[in-house]
Amino acid sequence: MNSRSQVRGRAQTVFAALFLLVSIESKGELLFLTDGDELFVVDSKAPGSVLSQVVLENSSYCPTTLAVDPRHGDLYAVRTEPCSIMQPEETYVFRVDAQTGATISFYPPLPDEQYWADKDISPLGAEMRIVDPLGENQRLVLDSGEILTDTPLQPFRGIQALASVPSGSGFATFGIASDAQGVELVRIGGPSGDPPASSGEVVTIGSVVIFGDVAGFDIGPSGAAYLTVIGPAATCGARDESEGEGPWRTVLCALNLETGATALLGTTPVGTKGQVMTGMAAVRIPFGSPMEIPTLGQVQLLVLATSCALAGIALMRTRTQRER
């Protein structure tokens, strides 16, 4: 087995165990969060509690967003550096070992107009869609690093975040637009990918009520959509006017993909250095796909054994209750 397969196999084993634990306790979906310095895993129904936490090898105070390749569950980060005023900036993509925080590989810098705003990897994998403030519509081919240029956005919208989901025989690509027209949920391309997002066609779905700035946007394996919003007293939906501004924070919101309606799910943790979470992506494990059986260390074996034991206990309890 090569080292890349071993890394992927270990990550799949650990996160599969976490998925099992979450399902036993009837909670939500697992989400990655990052403040640029550390990588966190939280439960969508209890976003304030950290399930795991590692320091990123390529850590930075600069805003960092996340995207997951559905093919293998690989985690990617996007960052613009340096994040200081009046300095030349460069935006780049790098792949992260979600288990250790280590950087696995870097890609060449993205085109000059691109910046750290949330990107998306389609359900078919292989390509990361990137749009910029000028309406350019492009794709980064993950296997080669090649940049493909598609039709610009029509009409132009200031897309802040992207996410996609399987739909019909294809997949639908959604975006959060934040510009002079307000904050709105839009679709790029048709509802089932016909026409595809490469067409640049933008259709408005509905207003998104948030107080703060959109940082992350993703759609989990269940089809549930999530937003992270940052800012002083950030929230979504109704706002308690008596709360005032207060310190900066990150909140997790549920998003209705049919209307754009939002609902507050909770406040996320603050990073060790007090930074807000600029990146969010749903954890994906490619269950049912062929994968090599990794060599497990003692910690991984303990996690897996504990998870299986808990699953067995839950099953026995269920059977006992039925017999009664």
Protein backbone atom coordinates (compact mmCIF):
# COMPACT_ATOMS: atom_id res chain seq x y z
CA MET A 1 0.00 0.00 0.00
CA ASN A 2 1.46 3.44 -0.90
CA SER A 3 1.74 6.28 1.63
CA ARG A 4 -1.13 8.25 0.06
CA SER A 5 -3.49 5.28 0.43
CA GLN A 6 -2.34 4.77 4.02
CA VAL A 7 -3.03 8.40 4.91
CA ARG A 8 -6.44 8.27 3.26
CA GLY A 9 -7.24 4.92 4.86
CA ARG A 10 -6.35 6.10 8.37
CA ALA A 11 -8.42 9.26 7.95
CA GLN A 12 -11.39 7.24 6.66
CA THR A 13 -11.14 4.86 9.62
CA VAL A 14 -11.06 7.61 12.23
CA PHE A 15 -13.88 9.63 10.67
CA ALA A 16 -15.96 6.51 10.04
CA ALA A 17 -15.70 5.82 13.78
CA LEU A 18 -16.79 9.38 14.51
CA PHE A 19 -19.74 9.00 12.14
CA LEU A 20 -20.77 5.84 14.00
CA LEU A 21 -20.60 7.57 17.37
CA VAL A 22 -22.68 10.49 16.09
CA SER A 23 -25.37 8.21 14.62
CA ILE A 24 -25.63 6.21 17.85
CA GLU A 25 -26.34 9.39 19.80
CA SER A 26 -28.85 10.59 17.14
CA LYS A 27 -27.06 13.87 16.50
CA GLY A 28 -26.38 15.73 13.28
CA GLU A 29 -23.70 15.74 10.62
CA LEU A 30 -19.99 16.24 11.18
CA LEU A 31 -18.50 19.54 10.01
CA PHE A 32 -14.93 20.75 9.61
CA LEU A 33 -14.22 24.27 10.87
CA THR A 34 -11.01 26.30 10.71
CA ASP A 35 -9.73 29.67 11.88
CA GLY A 36 -6.64 29.33 9.70
CA ASP A 37 -4.57 28.12 12.64
CA GLU A 38 -6.40 24.96 13.75
CA LEU A 39 -8.81 22.41 12.28
CA PHE A 40 -11.88 21.42 14.29
CA VAL A 41 -14.63 18.82 13.88
CA VAL A 42 -18.05 19.62 15.36
CA ASP A 43 -21.57 18.20 15.26
CA SER A 44 -24.07 20.30 13.30
CA LYS A 45 -26.63 19.92 16.11
CA ALA A 46 -24.14 20.88 18.83
CA PRO A 47 -21.68 23.19 17.02
CA GLY A 48 -20.28 24.61 20.25
CA SER A 49 -18.71 21.30 21.31
CA VAL A 50 -15.43 20.23 19.72
CA LEU A 51 -15.16 16.54 18.79
CA SER A 52 -11.57 16.79 17.55
CA GLN A 53 -8.98 19.54 17.16
CA VAL A 54 -5.54 19.66 15.52
CA VAL A 55 -3.09 22.44 14.69
CA LEU A 56 -2.60 23.03 10.96
CA GLU A 57 0.99 22.55 9.84
CA ASN A 58 0.49 25.44 7.40
CA SER A 59 -1.13 27.65 10.04
CA SER A 60 -1.84 31.34 9.50
CA TYR A 61 -3.85 34.28 10.83
CA CYS A 62 -5.07 34.85 7.27
CA PRO A 63 -8.67 33.85 6.42
CA THR A 64 -8.87 30.25 5.24
CA THR A 65 -11.80 28.39 3.68
CA LEU A 66 -12.40 24.65 3.27
CA ALA A 67 -13.79 22.22 0.69
CA VAL A 68 -14.05 18.41 0.66
CA ASP A 69 -13.62 16.19 -2.41
CA PRO A 70 -16.59 13.76 -2.33
CA ARG A 71 -14.61 11.10 -4.21
CA HIS A 72 -12.33 10.26 -1.29
CA GLY A 73 -13.28 12.65 1.51
CA ASP A 74 -10.02 14.58 0.93
CA LEU A 75 -9.89 17.99 2.62
CA TYR A 76 -8.67 21.12 0.80
CA ALA A 77 -8.03 24.64 2.09
CA VAL A 78 -7.97 27.97 0.23
CA ARG A 79 -6.05 30.96 1.58
CA THR A 80 -4.99 34.44 0.47
CA GLU A 81 -1.64 35.68 1.86
CA PRO A 82 -0.31 37.94 3.14
CA CYS A 83 -3.43 39.30 4.83
CA SER A 84 -1.99 42.76 5.46
CA ILE A 85 -2.95 46.06 3.91
CA MET A 86 -1.15 47.29 0.78
CA GLN A 87 0.81 44.06 0.28
CA PRO A 88 0.74 41.96 -2.93
CA GLU A 89 -1.58 39.02 -2.36
CA GLU A 90 -1.52 35.44 -3.62
CA THR A 91 -4.34 32.92 -3.31
CA TYR A 92 -3.48 29.25 -3.25
CA VAL A 93 -5.04 25.84 -2.58
CA PHE A 94 -3.48 23.10 -0.47
CA ARG A 95 -4.58 19.63 0.64
CA VAL A 96 -4.68 18.84 4.34
CA ASP A 97 -4.46 15.58 6.29
CA ALA A 98 -7.61 15.96 8.37
CA GLN A 99 -6.32 13.56 11.00
CA THR A 100 -3.01 15.31 11.75
CA GLY A 101 -3.31 18.80 10.23
CA ALA A 102 -0.26 18.14 8.03
CA THR A 103 -0.06 19.70 4.56
CA ILE A 104 -0.05 16.98 1.90
CA SER A 105 0.36 19.05 -1.26
CA PHE A 106 0.21 22.59 -2.69
CA TYR A 107 -1.26 23.82 -5.98
CA PRO A 108 0.06 26.70 -8.10
CA PRO A 109 -1.41 30.11 -7.18
CA LEU A 110 -4.90 30.85 -8.49
CA PRO A 111 -5.49 33.66 -11.03
CA ASP A 112 -4.89 37.17 -9.63
CA GLU A 113 -8.59 38.03 -9.30
CA GLN A 114 -9.31 35.03 -7.08
CA TYR A 115 -9.35 35.30 -3.29
CA TRP A 116 -10.02 33.13 -0.24
CA ALA A 117 -13.84 33.16 -0.44
CA ASP A 118 -15.52 29.76 -0.05
CA LYS A 119 -15.08 27.38 -3.02
CA ASP A 120 -16.79 24.11 -3.93
CA ILE A 121 -15.87 20.65 -5.20
CA SER A 122 -18.71 19.05 -7.15
CA PRO A 123 -20.34 15.74 -6.10
CA LEU A 124 -18.54 14.18 -9.06
CA GLY A 125 -15.25 15.37 -7.56
CA ALA A 126 -12.12 16.09 -9.57
CA GLU A 127 -12.80 19.86 -9.98
CA MET A 128 -13.04 22.83 -7.62
CA ARG A 129 -15.30 25.63 -8.87
CA ILE A 130 -13.96 29.13 -8.22
CA VAL A 131 -15.62 32.47 -8.94
CA ASP A 132 -14.20 35.93 -8.32
CA PRO A 133 -15.51 39.44 -7.52
CA LEU A 134 -15.43 40.34 -11.22
CA GLY A 135 -17.75 37.49 -12.21
CA GLU A 136 -15.12 35.16 -13.64
CA ASN A 137 -16.26 31.51 -13.52
CA GLN A 138 -13.45 28.94 -13.42
CA ARG A 139 -12.50 25.41 -12.32
CA LEU A 140 -9.34 24.03 -10.75
CA VAL A 141 -8.70 20.45 -11.92
CA LEU A 142 -7.55 18.76 -8.72
CA ASP A 143 -5.62 15.95 -10.39
CA SER A 144 -3.51 18.24 -12.58
CA GLY A 145 -3.69 21.78 -11.18
CA GLU A 146 -4.96 23.09 -14.54
CA ILE A 147 -7.32 26.11 -14.50
CA LEU A 148 -10.30 25.87 -16.87
CA THR A 149 -12.19 29.08 -17.75
CA ASP A 150 -15.97 28.88 -18.21
CA THR A 151 -18.59 31.45 -19.25
CA PRO A 152 -18.64 34.45 -16.85
CA LEU A 153 -21.58 34.79 -14.46
CA GLN A 154 -24.74 36.13 -16.17
CA PRO A 155 -26.13 38.31 -14.69
CA PHE A 156 -23.13 39.33 -12.63
CA ARG A 157 -23.47 38.72 -8.87
CA GLY A 158 -20.93 39.06 -6.08
CA ILE A 159 -20.77 35.38 -5.10
CA GLN A 160 -19.27 34.93 -1.61
CA ALA A 161 -19.62 31.16 -1.20
CA LEU A 162 -20.41 28.03 -3.25
CA ALA A 163 -21.86 24.56 -2.63
CA SER A 164 -23.33 21.80 -4.78
CA VAL A 165 -25.55 18.75 -4.34
CA PRO A 166 -26.60 15.75 -6.49
CA SER A 167 -29.85 16.52 -8.32
CA GLY A 168 -31.59 14.36 -10.90
CA SER A 169 -29.02 12.97 -13.32
CA GLY A 170 -26.50 15.70 -12.48
CA PHE A 171 -25.86 18.16 -9.69
CA ALA A 172 -27.03 21.65 -8.78
CA THR A 173 -24.55 24.39 -7.86
CA PHE A 174 -25.65 27.07 -5.37
CA GLY A 175 -24.04 30.32 -4.31
CA ILE A 176 -24.50 33.02 -1.69
CA ALA A 177 -24.51 36.41 -3.40
CA SER A 178 -23.75 39.48 -1.29
CA ASP A 179 -23.85 42.75 -3.20
CA ALA A 180 -25.96 45.87 -3.75
CA GLN A 181 -29.04 43.67 -4.20
CA GLY A 182 -28.62 42.23 -0.71
CA VAL A 183 -27.70 38.73 0.49
CA GLU A 184 -29.44 36.11 -1.67
CA LEU A 185 -29.32 32.41 -2.45
CA VAL A 186 -28.67 31.85 -6.14
CA ARG A 187 -28.19 28.84 -8.40
CA ILE A 188 -25.47 28.73 -11.04
CA GLY A 189 -26.74 26.62 -13.94
CA GLY A 190 -29.91 24.53 -14.00
CA PRO A 191 -31.57 22.65 -11.12
CA SER A 192 -30.09 19.32 -12.26
CA GLY A 193 -26.99 20.75 -13.88
CA ASP A 194 -28.72 21.41 -17.20
CA PRO A 195 -27.36 23.81 -18.22
CA PRO A 196 -24.22 23.17 -16.14
CA ALA A 197 -22.59 25.71 -13.83
CA SER A 198 -20.01 26.26 -16.59
CA SER A 199 -22.77 28.11 -18.48
CA GLY A 200 -22.53 30.99 -15.99
CA GLU A 201 -26.32 31.27 -15.81
CA VAL A 202 -27.34 32.78 -12.45
CA VAL A 203 -30.89 32.38 -11.08
CA THR A 204 -32.01 34.05 -7.84
CA ILE A 205 -33.88 31.76 -5.41
CA GLY A 206 -34.57 33.98 -2.40
CA SER A 207 -33.29 36.36 0.26
CA VAL A 208 -30.95 35.04 2.97
CA VAL A 209 -31.52 36.78 6.30
CA ILE A 210 -28.23 37.01 8.18
CA PHE A 211 -26.49 39.60 10.34
CA GLY A 212 -22.77 39.47 9.60
CA ASP A 213 -20.66 38.13 6.73
CA VAL A 214 -20.93 34.72 5.09
CA ALA A 215 -17.76 32.71 5.67
CA GLY A 216 -18.56 29.06 4.84
CA PHE A 217 -21.30 27.31 2.87
CA ASP A 218 -21.69 23.58 2.27
CA ILE A 219 -24.27 20.85 1.76
CA GLY A 220 -23.87 17.69 3.84
CA PRO A 221 -24.30 14.08 2.70
CA SER A 222 -27.92 14.19 3.97
CA GLY A 223 -28.72 17.11 1.65
CA ALA A 224 -28.92 19.62 4.54
CA ALA A 225 -27.30 22.97 3.78
CA TYR A 226 -25.20 24.95 6.28
CA LEU A 227 -23.82 28.48 6.49
CA THR A 228 -21.28 29.99 8.86
CA VAL A 229 -21.66 33.71 9.53
CA ILE A 230 -19.03 35.90 11.23
CA GLY A 231 -19.18 39.34 12.79
CA PRO A 232 -20.04 41.22 16.00
CA ALA A 233 -23.13 39.48 17.45
CA ALA A 234 -23.43 37.54 14.17
CA THR A 235 -26.66 35.58 13.75
CA CYS A 236 -29.24 34.49 11.15
CA GLY A 237 -33.02 34.72 10.96
CA ALA A 238 -34.51 36.93 13.66
CA ARG A 239 -32.14 39.13 15.66
CA ASP A 240 -32.33 40.11 19.32
CA GLU A 241 -31.84 43.88 19.08
CA SER A 242 -31.08 44.07 22.81
CA GLU A 243 -27.93 42.00 22.32
CA GLY A 244 -25.91 44.88 20.90
CA GLU A 245 -22.72 44.48 18.90
CA GLY A 246 -20.51 42.52 21.29
CA PRO A 247 -17.34 40.63 20.30
CA TRP A 248 -16.84 38.91 16.96
CA ARG A 249 -18.13 35.36 16.78
CA THR A 250 -19.04 32.59 14.33
CA VAL A 251 -22.52 31.07 14.15
CA LEU A 252 -23.72 28.00 12.27
CA CYS A 253 -27.01 28.32 10.39
CA ALA A 254 -29.28 25.92 8.52
CA LEU A 255 -30.25 27.08 5.01
CA ASN A 256 -33.35 26.11 3.04
CA LEU A 257 -32.22 25.53 -0.55
CA GLU A 258 -35.76 26.07 -1.90
CA THR A 259 -36.41 29.47 -0.30
CA GLY A 260 -33.18 30.84 1.20
CA ALA A 261 -34.68 30.86 4.71
CA THR A 262 -32.20 30.47 7.57
CA ALA A 263 -32.33 29.10 11.11
CA LEU A 264 -29.72 29.48 13.85
CA LEU A 265 -28.13 26.19 14.94
CA GLY A 266 -25.67 27.61 17.46
CA THR A 267 -22.41 29.42 18.08
CA THR A 268 -19.20 27.63 17.12
CA PRO A 269 -16.06 27.48 19.28
CA VAL A 270 -13.48 30.25 19.14
CA GLY A 271 -9.97 29.26 18.13
CA THR A 272 -7.24 28.95 20.74
CA LYS A 273 -5.92 32.36 19.67
CA GLY A 274 -9.40 33.93 19.71
CA GLN A 275 -10.01 33.93 15.96
CA VAL A 276 -13.37 33.38 14.24
CA MET A 277 -14.01 30.38 11.98
CA THR A 278 -13.55 31.51 8.39
CA GLY A 279 -13.83 28.03 6.85
CA MET A 280 -16.46 25.28 7.05
CA ALA A 281 -17.09 22.06 5.09
CA ALA A 282 -19.16 18.95 5.70
CA VAL A 283 -17.20 15.78 6.46
CA ARG A 284 -17.69 13.11 3.83
CA ILE A 285 -16.65 9.46 3.99
CA PRO A 286 -17.12 7.59 0.70
CA PHE A 287 -19.00 4.65 2.22
CA GLY A 288 -19.67 1.83 -0.22
CA SER A 289 -16.71 2.69 -2.43
CA PRO A 290 -13.71 0.37 -2.71
CA MET A 291 -11.02 1.23 -0.18
CA GLU A 292 -7.92 -0.48 1.10
CA ILE A 293 -7.88 -1.77 4.66
CA PRO A 294 -5.30 0.39 6.48
CA THR A 295 -2.81 -0.68 9.09
CA LEU A 296 -4.18 0.65 12.37
CA GLY A 297 -2.23 2.02 15.30
CA GLN A 298 -3.22 1.47 18.92
CA VAL A 299 -5.22 4.71 19.15
CA GLN A 300 -7.15 3.99 15.95
CA LEU A 301 -7.86 0.43 17.09
CA LEU A 302 -9.12 1.73 20.43
CA VAL A 303 -11.43 4.24 18.74
CA LEU A 304 -12.74 1.63 16.32
CA ALA A 305 -13.20 -1.02 19.04
CA THR A 306 -15.02 1.46 21.30
CA SER A 307 -17.30 2.51 18.45
CA CYS A 308 -18.16 -1.11 17.59
CA ALA A 309 -18.80 -1.91 21.25
CA LEU A 310 -21.16 1.05 21.59
CA ALA A 311 -22.96 0.02 18.42
CA GLY A 312 -23.36 -3.51 19.80
CA ILE A 313 -24.73 -2.23 23.11
CA ALA A 314 -27.21 0.02 21.32
CA LEU A 315 -28.37 -2.89 19.16
CA MET A 316 -28.79 -5.19 22.18
CA ARG A 317 -30.82 -2.53 24.00
CA THR A 318 -33.06 -2.09 21.00
CA ARG A 319 -33.67 -5.84 20.73
CA THR A 320 -34.36 -6.12 24.48
CA GLN A 321 -36.89 -3.32 24.33
CA ARG A 322 -38.65 -4.95 21.39
CA GLU A 323 -38.82 -8.31 23.20
CA ARG A 324 -40.41 -6.63 26.20
